[in-house]
Amino acid sequence: MIREHFQYRTTITTILAEEEAHIEAAKTAMVDARSELEREILRDPFFGSTYEPYPTNVSSPAARRMTAASEPAGVGPMAAVAGTIAWYGVEAMQDAGAAFAVIDNGGDIALIADRNVTIGIHAGTSPFSGKLAFRVPPQDAILGICTSSATVGPSVSFGTADAVTVFSRNVSLADAWATSLCNDFTECSDDFFQARDLTGVCGICVIAGDTFCRWGTLPEIVQASVDTSLITAGI
């Protein structure tokens, strides 16, 4: 297996693949998607700055995915940017013939896999952090696994959760909902999830301090010792 760090401007990723050609396909697709979005923001700067859904006419396919995902989640389209770029990368790897392709874009993951994939849970200073992982079974169709945190990383968040992880086949949607739920989280309750239209979301895991709650269908959660050196970060 090849593990490669790839950074293009503020897009900072880890790519896993079996062939170098699949890595190169991912890089090209992610740069192209980001370039599309940069042109969109130049055309309409508000697209890149609003924290609210922005049902405007957008010219690029990547921007359309982001605006569509942001509307039900009640966030701005840029809340879905990392997952969307990762999604494009894995699609390109799949088109190049990959059966195993993982892109982690700063905690927002898109993947297909012909084997089990173990994904560690990093949740800041929570006692669960670094001790649990999702064991994701083989996936023929692309799966999004996106995480937002109010206590870890540079992203803007208005909530208190250490980690909100959302699973969806629509990677943009997973990213948008992770941001939205993390912004709004105060305590675990059925009402917290039932008050939202989570159509398209497979499962959700929330960690806040010593609180752990879940909704929907999640992969098996296993004990793990997470190697923090594998966390995607800038160099």
C-alpha atoms as a PDB file:
ATOM      1  CA  MET A   1       0.000   0.000   0.000  1.00  0.00           C
ATOM      2  CA  ILE A   2       1.193   3.516  -0.831  1.00  0.00           C
ATOM      3  CA  ARG A   3       0.605   6.329   1.666  1.00  0.00           C
ATOM      4  CA  GLU A   4       1.326   9.796   0.317  1.00  0.00           C
ATOM      5  CA  HIS A   5       0.977  13.242   1.820  1.00  0.00           C
ATOM      6  CA  PHE A   6      -0.285  15.761  -0.739  1.00  0.00           C
ATOM      7  CA  GLN A   7      -0.702  19.463  -0.123  1.00  0.00           C
ATOM      8  CA  TYR A   8      -1.955  22.058  -2.587  1.00  0.00           C
ATOM      9  CA  ARG A   9      -2.352  25.478  -1.016  1.00  0.00           C
ATOM     10  CA  THR A  10      -4.663  24.951   1.977  1.00  0.00           C
ATOM     11  CA  THR A  11      -5.863  21.527   0.797  1.00  0.00           C
ATOM     12  CA  ILE A  12      -3.864  19.101   2.946  1.00  0.00           C
ATOM     13  CA  THR A  13      -4.474  15.412   2.343  1.00  0.00           C
ATOM     14  CA  THR A  14      -3.274  11.877   2.892  1.00  0.00           C
ATOM     15  CA  ILE A  15      -3.862   9.522  -0.033  1.00  0.00           C
ATOM     16  CA  LEU A  16      -3.826   5.724   0.273  1.00  0.00           C
ATOM     17  CA  ALA A  17      -3.678   3.549  -2.846  1.00  0.00           C
ATOM     18  CA  GLU A  18      -2.105   0.455  -4.338  1.00  0.00           C
ATOM     19  CA  GLU A  19      -0.716   2.096  -7.489  1.00  0.00           C
ATOM     20  CA  GLU A  20       1.125   5.335  -8.123  1.00  0.00           C
ATOM     21  CA  ALA A  21      -1.122   6.008 -11.116  1.00  0.00           C
ATOM     22  CA  HIS A  22      -4.110   6.129  -8.780  1.00  0.00           C
ATOM     23  CA  ILE A  23      -2.304   8.641  -6.549  1.00  0.00           C
ATOM     24  CA  GLU A  24      -1.613  10.863  -9.557  1.00  0.00           C
ATOM     25  CA  ALA A  25      -5.241  10.635 -10.687  1.00  0.00           C
ATOM     26  CA  ALA A  26      -6.359  11.795  -7.239  1.00  0.00           C
ATOM     27  CA  LYS A  27      -3.962  14.733  -7.193  1.00  0.00           C
ATOM     28  CA  THR A  28      -5.055  15.953 -10.605  1.00  0.00           C
ATOM     29  CA  ALA A  29      -8.753  15.694  -9.748  1.00  0.00           C
ATOM     30  CA  MET A  30      -8.388  17.477  -6.419  1.00  0.00           C
ATOM     31  CA  VAL A  31      -6.393  20.336  -7.930  1.00  0.00           C
ATOM     32  CA  ASP A  32      -8.974  20.658 -10.714  1.00  0.00           C
ATOM     33  CA  ALA A  33     -11.870  20.700  -8.221  1.00  0.00           C
ATOM     34  CA  ARG A  34     -10.158  23.268  -6.045  1.00  0.00           C
ATOM     35  CA  SER A  35      -9.358  25.420  -9.075  1.00  0.00           C
ATOM     36  CA  GLU A  36     -13.041  25.297 -10.075  1.00  0.00           C
ATOM     37  CA  LEU A  37     -13.999  26.525  -6.624  1.00  0.00           C
ATOM     38  CA  GLU A  38     -11.401  29.288  -6.633  1.00  0.00           C
ATOM     39  CA  ARG A  39     -12.874  30.586  -9.895  1.00  0.00           C
ATOM     40  CA  GLU A  40     -16.360  30.387  -8.368  1.00  0.00           C
ATOM     41  CA  ILE A  41     -15.252  32.473  -5.399  1.00  0.00           C
ATOM     42  CA  LEU A  42     -13.596  35.041  -7.659  1.00  0.00           C
ATOM     43  CA  ARG A  43     -16.885  35.311  -9.564  1.00  0.00           C
ATOM     44  CA  ASP A  44     -18.966  35.484  -6.389  1.00  0.00           C
ATOM     45  CA  PRO A  45     -16.962  36.145  -3.179  1.00  0.00           C
ATOM     46  CA  PHE A  46     -20.074  35.677  -1.002  1.00  0.00           C
ATOM     47  CA  PHE A  47     -20.104  31.996  -1.979  1.00  0.00           C
ATOM     48  CA  GLY A  48     -16.818  31.588  -0.118  1.00  0.00           C
ATOM     49  CA  SER A  49     -17.715  33.561   2.998  1.00  0.00           C
ATOM     50  CA  THR A  50     -21.346  32.961   3.947  1.00  0.00           C
ATOM     51  CA  TYR A  51     -22.223  30.713   6.894  1.00  0.00           C
ATOM     52  CA  GLU A  52     -25.780  30.303   5.600  1.00  0.00           C
ATOM     53  CA  PRO A  53     -27.153  28.192   2.729  1.00  0.00           C
ATOM     54  CA  TYR A  54     -26.658  30.081  -0.507  1.00  0.00           C
ATOM     55  CA  PRO A  55     -29.082  28.881  -3.226  1.00  0.00           C
ATOM     56  CA  THR A  56     -27.394  30.806  -6.012  1.00  0.00           C
ATOM     57  CA  ASN A  57     -26.634  29.759  -9.571  1.00  0.00           C
ATOM     58  CA  VAL A  58     -23.139  28.289  -9.558  1.00  0.00           C
ATOM     59  CA  SER A  59     -21.115  27.398 -12.609  1.00  0.00           C
ATOM     60  CA  SER A  60     -18.954  24.509 -11.426  1.00  0.00           C
ATOM     61  CA  PRO A  61     -20.019  20.926 -10.616  1.00  0.00           C
ATOM     62  CA  ALA A  62     -18.039  21.024  -7.362  1.00  0.00           C
ATOM     63  CA  ALA A  63     -19.831  24.180  -6.243  1.00  0.00           C
ATOM     64  CA  ARG A  64     -23.201  22.620  -7.118  1.00  0.00           C
ATOM     65  CA  ARG A  65     -22.443  19.628  -4.892  1.00  0.00           C
ATOM     66  CA  MET A  66     -21.546  21.967  -2.059  1.00  0.00           C
ATOM     67  CA  THR A  67     -24.610  24.200  -2.362  1.00  0.00           C
ATOM     68  CA  ALA A  68     -26.915  21.172  -2.581  1.00  0.00           C
ATOM     69  CA  ALA A  69     -25.358  19.626   0.546  1.00  0.00           C
ATOM     70  CA  SER A  70     -25.337  22.846   2.551  1.00  0.00           C
ATOM     71  CA  GLU A  71     -29.041  23.583   2.181  1.00  0.00           C
ATOM     72  CA  PRO A  72     -30.521  20.732   4.272  1.00  0.00           C
ATOM     73  CA  ALA A  73     -27.711  21.085   6.817  1.00  0.00           C
ATOM     74  CA  GLY A  74     -28.307  24.813   7.220  1.00  0.00           C
ATOM     75  CA  VAL A  75     -24.688  25.854   6.689  1.00  0.00           C
ATOM     76  CA  GLY A  76     -22.711  27.750   4.087  1.00  0.00           C
ATOM     77  CA  PRO A  77     -21.430  25.864   1.034  1.00  0.00           C
ATOM     78  CA  MET A  78     -17.795  26.075   2.164  1.00  0.00           C
ATOM     79  CA  ALA A  79     -18.709  23.792   5.073  1.00  0.00           C
ATOM     80  CA  ALA A  80     -18.634  20.992   2.501  1.00  0.00           C
ATOM     81  CA  VAL A  81     -15.438  21.948   0.685  1.00  0.00           C
ATOM     82  CA  ALA A  82     -12.993  19.413   2.143  1.00  0.00           C
ATOM     83  CA  GLY A  83     -15.303  16.439   1.698  1.00  0.00           C
ATOM     84  CA  THR A  84     -16.179  17.537  -1.824  1.00  0.00           C
ATOM     85  CA  ILE A  85     -12.533  17.767  -2.893  1.00  0.00           C
ATOM     86  CA  ALA A  86     -11.797  14.346  -1.363  1.00  0.00           C
ATOM     87  CA  TRP A  87     -14.837  12.930  -3.185  1.00  0.00           C
ATOM     88  CA  TYR A  88     -13.534  14.132  -6.543  1.00  0.00           C
ATOM     89  CA  GLY A  89     -10.170  12.572  -5.795  1.00  0.00           C
ATOM     90  CA  VAL A  90     -11.599   9.137  -5.001  1.00  0.00           C
ATOM     91  CA  GLU A  91     -13.912   9.265  -8.024  1.00  0.00           C
ATOM     92  CA  ALA A  92     -10.857   9.833 -10.221  1.00  0.00           C
ATOM     93  CA  MET A  93      -9.025   6.938  -8.565  1.00  0.00           C
ATOM     94  CA  GLN A  94     -12.026   4.686  -9.132  1.00  0.00           C
ATOM     95  CA  ASP A  95     -12.209   5.775 -12.773  1.00  0.00           C
ATOM     96  CA  ALA A  96      -8.503   4.895 -13.088  1.00  0.00           C
ATOM     97  CA  GLY A  97      -9.285   1.331 -11.979  1.00  0.00           C
ATOM     98  CA  ALA A  98      -8.670   1.497  -8.232  1.00  0.00           C
ATOM     99  CA  ALA A  99     -10.512  -0.924  -5.957  1.00  0.00           C
ATOM    100  CA  PHE A 100      -8.809   0.598  -2.921  1.00  0.00           C
ATOM    101  CA  ALA A 101      -8.713   4.379  -2.581  1.00  0.00           C
ATOM    102  CA  VAL A 102      -8.731   6.507   0.550  1.00  0.00           C
ATOM    103  CA  ILE A 103      -8.367  10.276   0.774  1.00  0.00           C
ATOM    104  CA  ASP A 104      -8.275  12.035   4.130  1.00  0.00           C
ATOM    105  CA  ASN A 105      -8.656  15.778   3.609  1.00  0.00           C
ATOM    106  CA  GLY A 106      -8.038  17.099   7.102  1.00  0.00           C
ATOM    107  CA  GLY A 107     -10.435  14.681   8.791  1.00  0.00           C
ATOM    108  CA  ASP A 108     -12.935  14.530   5.937  1.00  0.00           C
ATOM    109  CA  ILE A 109     -12.550  11.152   4.276  1.00  0.00           C
ATOM    110  CA  ALA A 110     -13.789   9.608   1.041  1.00  0.00           C
ATOM    111  CA  LEU A 111     -13.037   5.975   0.284  1.00  0.00           C
ATOM    112  CA  ILE A 112     -13.673   2.799  -1.598  1.00  0.00           C
ATOM    113  CA  ALA A 113     -12.043  -0.376  -0.332  1.00  0.00           C
ATOM    114  CA  ASP A 114     -11.690  -4.051  -1.144  1.00  0.00           C
ATOM    115  CA  ARG A 115     -10.765  -4.773   2.477  1.00  0.00           C
ATOM    116  CA  ASN A 116     -11.534  -3.636   6.015  1.00  0.00           C
ATOM    117  CA  VAL A 117     -10.283  -0.129   6.788  1.00  0.00           C
ATOM    118  CA  THR A 118      -9.708   0.981  10.385  1.00  0.00           C
ATOM    119  CA  ILE A 119     -10.215   4.709  10.981  1.00  0.00           C
ATOM    120  CA  GLY A 120      -9.116   6.069  14.335  1.00  0.00           C
ATOM    121  CA  ILE A 121     -11.178   8.582  16.285  1.00  0.00           C
ATOM    122  CA  HIS A 122      -9.316  11.716  17.362  1.00  0.00           C
ATOM    123  CA  ALA A 123     -11.387  13.845  19.729  1.00  0.00           C
ATOM    124  CA  GLY A 124      -9.051  16.266  21.426  1.00  0.00           C
ATOM    125  CA  THR A 125      -8.848  15.815  25.189  1.00  0.00           C
ATOM    126  CA  SER A 126     -11.891  13.529  25.445  1.00  0.00           C
ATOM    127  CA  PRO A 127     -11.092  10.281  27.291  1.00  0.00           C
ATOM    128  CA  PHE A 128     -12.332   8.431  24.186  1.00  0.00           C
ATOM    129  CA  SER A 129      -9.765  10.132  21.946  1.00  0.00           C
ATOM    130  CA  GLY A 130      -7.161   7.810  20.477  1.00  0.00           C
ATOM    131  CA  LYS A 131      -8.741   4.726  22.052  1.00  0.00           C
ATOM    132  CA  LEU A 132     -11.518   3.930  19.580  1.00  0.00           C
ATOM    133  CA  ALA A 133     -11.752   3.354  15.849  1.00  0.00           C
ATOM    134  CA  PHE A 134     -14.335   2.588  13.181  1.00  0.00           C
ATOM    135  CA  ARG A 135     -13.770  -0.740  11.427  1.00  0.00           C
ATOM    136  CA  VAL A 136     -15.223   0.011   7.989  1.00  0.00           C
ATOM    137  CA  PRO A 137     -16.019  -3.119   5.928  1.00  0.00           C
ATOM    138  CA  PRO A 138     -15.253  -3.306   2.188  1.00  0.00           C
ATOM    139  CA  GLN A 139     -17.016  -0.632   0.142  1.00  0.00           C
ATOM    140  CA  ASP A 140     -17.718  -0.901  -3.588  1.00  0.00           C
ATOM    141  CA  ALA A 141     -19.478   2.473  -3.621  1.00  0.00           C
ATOM    142  CA  ILE A 142     -17.811   5.636  -2.371  1.00  0.00           C
ATOM    143  CA  LEU A 143     -18.407   6.354   1.306  1.00  0.00           C
ATOM    144  CA  GLY A 144     -17.932   9.691   3.032  1.00  0.00           C
ATOM    145  CA  ILE A 145     -16.723   9.786   6.649  1.00  0.00           C
ATOM    146  CA  CYS A 146     -16.475  13.417   7.705  1.00  0.00           C
ATOM    147  CA  THR A 147     -15.612  14.836  11.108  1.00  0.00           C
ATOM    148  CA  SER A 148     -16.005  18.301  12.596  1.00  0.00           C
ATOM    149  CA  SER A 149     -14.685  19.472  15.949  1.00  0.00           C
ATOM    150  CA  ALA A 150     -15.140  22.538  18.106  1.00  0.00           C
ATOM    151  CA  THR A 151     -11.909  21.798  19.990  1.00  0.00           C
ATOM    152  CA  VAL A 152      -9.491  20.371  17.402  1.00  0.00           C
ATOM    153  CA  GLY A 153      -8.137  21.971  14.240  1.00  0.00           C
ATOM    154  CA  PRO A 154      -8.467  25.372  12.562  1.00  0.00           C
ATOM    155  CA  SER A 155     -12.052  25.179  11.297  1.00  0.00           C
ATOM    156  CA  VAL A 156     -14.659  27.603  12.630  1.00  0.00           C
ATOM    157  CA  SER A 157     -17.202  25.912  14.921  1.00  0.00           C
ATOM    158  CA  PHE A 158     -19.868  27.365  17.203  1.00  0.00           C
ATOM    159  CA  GLY A 159     -20.448  24.230  19.302  1.00  0.00           C
ATOM    160  CA  THR A 160     -18.811  22.258  22.095  1.00  0.00           C
ATOM    161  CA  ALA A 161     -18.324  18.746  20.679  1.00  0.00           C
ATOM    162  CA  ASP A 162     -14.846  17.243  20.459  1.00  0.00           C
ATOM    163  CA  ALA A 163     -15.811  15.214  17.383  1.00  0.00           C
ATOM    164  CA  VAL A 164     -18.930  14.780  15.276  1.00  0.00           C
ATOM    165  CA  THR A 165     -18.478  12.136  12.596  1.00  0.00           C
ATOM    166  CA  VAL A 166     -21.061  11.676   9.842  1.00  0.00           C
ATOM    167  CA  PHE A 167     -21.279   8.772   7.382  1.00  0.00           C
ATOM    168  CA  SER A 168     -22.956   9.224   3.988  1.00  0.00           C
ATOM    169  CA  ARG A 169     -22.615   8.046   0.397  1.00  0.00           C
ATOM    170  CA  ASN A 170     -22.778  11.726  -0.483  1.00  0.00           C
ATOM    171  CA  VAL A 171     -19.428  12.976   0.801  1.00  0.00           C
ATOM    172  CA  SER A 172     -20.398  16.645   0.490  1.00  0.00           C
ATOM    173  CA  LEU A 173     -23.490  15.966   2.593  1.00  0.00           C
ATOM    174  CA  ALA A 174     -21.439  14.155   5.246  1.00  0.00           C
ATOM    175  CA  ASP A 175     -19.129  17.160   5.503  1.00  0.00           C
ATOM    176  CA  ALA A 176     -21.954  19.711   5.659  1.00  0.00           C
ATOM    177  CA  TRP A 177     -23.858  17.788   8.330  1.00  0.00           C
ATOM    178  CA  ALA A 178     -20.713  17.211  10.415  1.00  0.00           C
ATOM    179  CA  THR A 179     -20.222  20.978  10.533  1.00  0.00           C
ATOM    180  CA  SER A 180     -23.882  21.694  11.228  1.00  0.00           C
ATOM    181  CA  LEU A 181     -24.274  19.154  14.011  1.00  0.00           C
ATOM    182  CA  CYS A 182     -21.018  20.194  15.632  1.00  0.00           C
ATOM    183  CA  ASN A 183     -22.160  23.826  15.559  1.00  0.00           C
ATOM    184  CA  ASP A 184     -25.447  22.972  17.286  1.00  0.00           C
ATOM    185  CA  PHE A 185     -24.458  20.226  19.715  1.00  0.00           C
ATOM    186  CA  THR A 186     -25.172  20.819  23.390  1.00  0.00           C
ATOM    187  CA  GLU A 187     -26.226  17.400  24.714  1.00  0.00           C
ATOM    188  CA  CYS A 188     -27.152  13.952  23.444  1.00  0.00           C
ATOM    189  CA  SER A 189     -30.877  13.339  23.065  1.00  0.00           C
ATOM    190  CA  ASP A 190     -33.247  11.774  20.581  1.00  0.00           C
ATOM    191  CA  ASP A 191     -34.634  15.235  19.872  1.00  0.00           C
ATOM    192  CA  PHE A 192     -31.209  16.504  18.795  1.00  0.00           C
ATOM    193  CA  PHE A 193     -31.249  14.156  15.804  1.00  0.00           C
ATOM    194  CA  GLN A 194     -34.990  13.817  15.173  1.00  0.00           C
ATOM    195  CA  ALA A 195     -35.447  17.557  14.765  1.00  0.00           C
ATOM    196  CA  ARG A 196     -33.404  17.427  11.545  1.00  0.00           C
ATOM    197  CA  ASP A 197     -34.021  16.032   8.080  1.00  0.00           C
ATOM    198  CA  LEU A 198     -31.078  13.659   7.875  1.00  0.00           C
ATOM    199  CA  THR A 199     -32.076  12.152   4.534  1.00  0.00           C
ATOM    200  CA  GLY A 200     -28.985  10.673   2.904  1.00  0.00           C
ATOM    201  CA  VAL A 201     -27.092  10.282   6.189  1.00  0.00           C
ATOM    202  CA  CYS A 202     -26.214   6.712   7.194  1.00  0.00           C
ATOM    203  CA  GLY A 203     -24.953   7.251  10.740  1.00  0.00           C
ATOM    204  CA  ILE A 204     -23.583   9.801  13.188  1.00  0.00           C
ATOM    205  CA  CYS A 205     -21.182   9.543  16.128  1.00  0.00           C
ATOM    206  CA  VAL A 206     -20.792  12.399  18.623  1.00  0.00           C
ATOM    207  CA  ILE A 207     -18.073  12.691  21.273  1.00  0.00           C
ATOM    208  CA  ALA A 208     -18.069  15.559  23.749  1.00  0.00           C
ATOM    209  CA  GLY A 209     -15.833  15.078  26.770  1.00  0.00           C
ATOM    210  CA  ASP A 210     -16.968  11.855  28.428  1.00  0.00           C
ATOM    211  CA  THR A 211     -20.244  11.816  26.438  1.00  0.00           C
ATOM    212  CA  PHE A 212     -20.584   9.379  23.539  1.00  0.00           C
ATOM    213  CA  CYS A 213     -23.748   9.107  21.478  1.00  0.00           C
ATOM    214  CA  ARG A 214     -24.752   7.691  18.115  1.00  0.00           C
ATOM    215  CA  TRP A 215     -27.537   7.781  15.575  1.00  0.00           C
ATOM    216  CA  GLY A 216     -28.373   5.577  12.604  1.00  0.00           C
ATOM    217  CA  THR A 217     -26.123   2.812  11.300  1.00  0.00           C
ATOM    218  CA  LEU A 218     -22.408   2.970  12.021  1.00  0.00           C
ATOM    219  CA  PRO A 219     -19.572   0.552  11.298  1.00  0.00           C
ATOM    220  CA  GLU A 220     -18.297  -1.537  14.176  1.00  0.00           C
ATOM    221  CA  ILE A 221     -16.518   0.595  16.793  1.00  0.00           C
ATOM    222  CA  VAL A 222     -13.450  -1.184  18.195  1.00  0.00           C
ATOM    223  CA  GLN A 223     -10.794  -0.550  20.797  1.00  0.00           C
ATOM    224  CA  ALA A 224      -7.669   0.906  19.234  1.00  0.00           C
ATOM    225  CA  SER A 225      -4.432   2.682  19.944  1.00  0.00           C
ATOM    226  CA  VAL A 226      -4.476   5.519  17.439  1.00  0.00           C
ATOM    227  CA  ASP A 227      -1.112   6.596  16.034  1.00  0.00           C
ATOM    228  CA  THR A 228      -1.382  10.396  16.086  1.00  0.00           C
ATOM    229  CA  SER A 229       1.521  10.682  13.631  1.00  0.00           C
ATOM    230  CA  LEU A 230      -0.920   9.468  10.954  1.00  0.00           C
ATOM    231  CA  ILE A 231      -3.244  12.439  11.457  1.00  0.00           C
ATOM    232  CA  THR A 232      -3.286  14.541   8.304  1.00  0.00           C
ATOM    233  CA  ALA A 233      -1.660  17.910   8.913  1.00  0.00           C
ATOM    234  CA  GLY A 234       0.354  20.522   7.072  1.00  0.00           C
ATOM    235  CA  ILE A 235       4.136  20.290   6.891  1.00  0.00           C
END
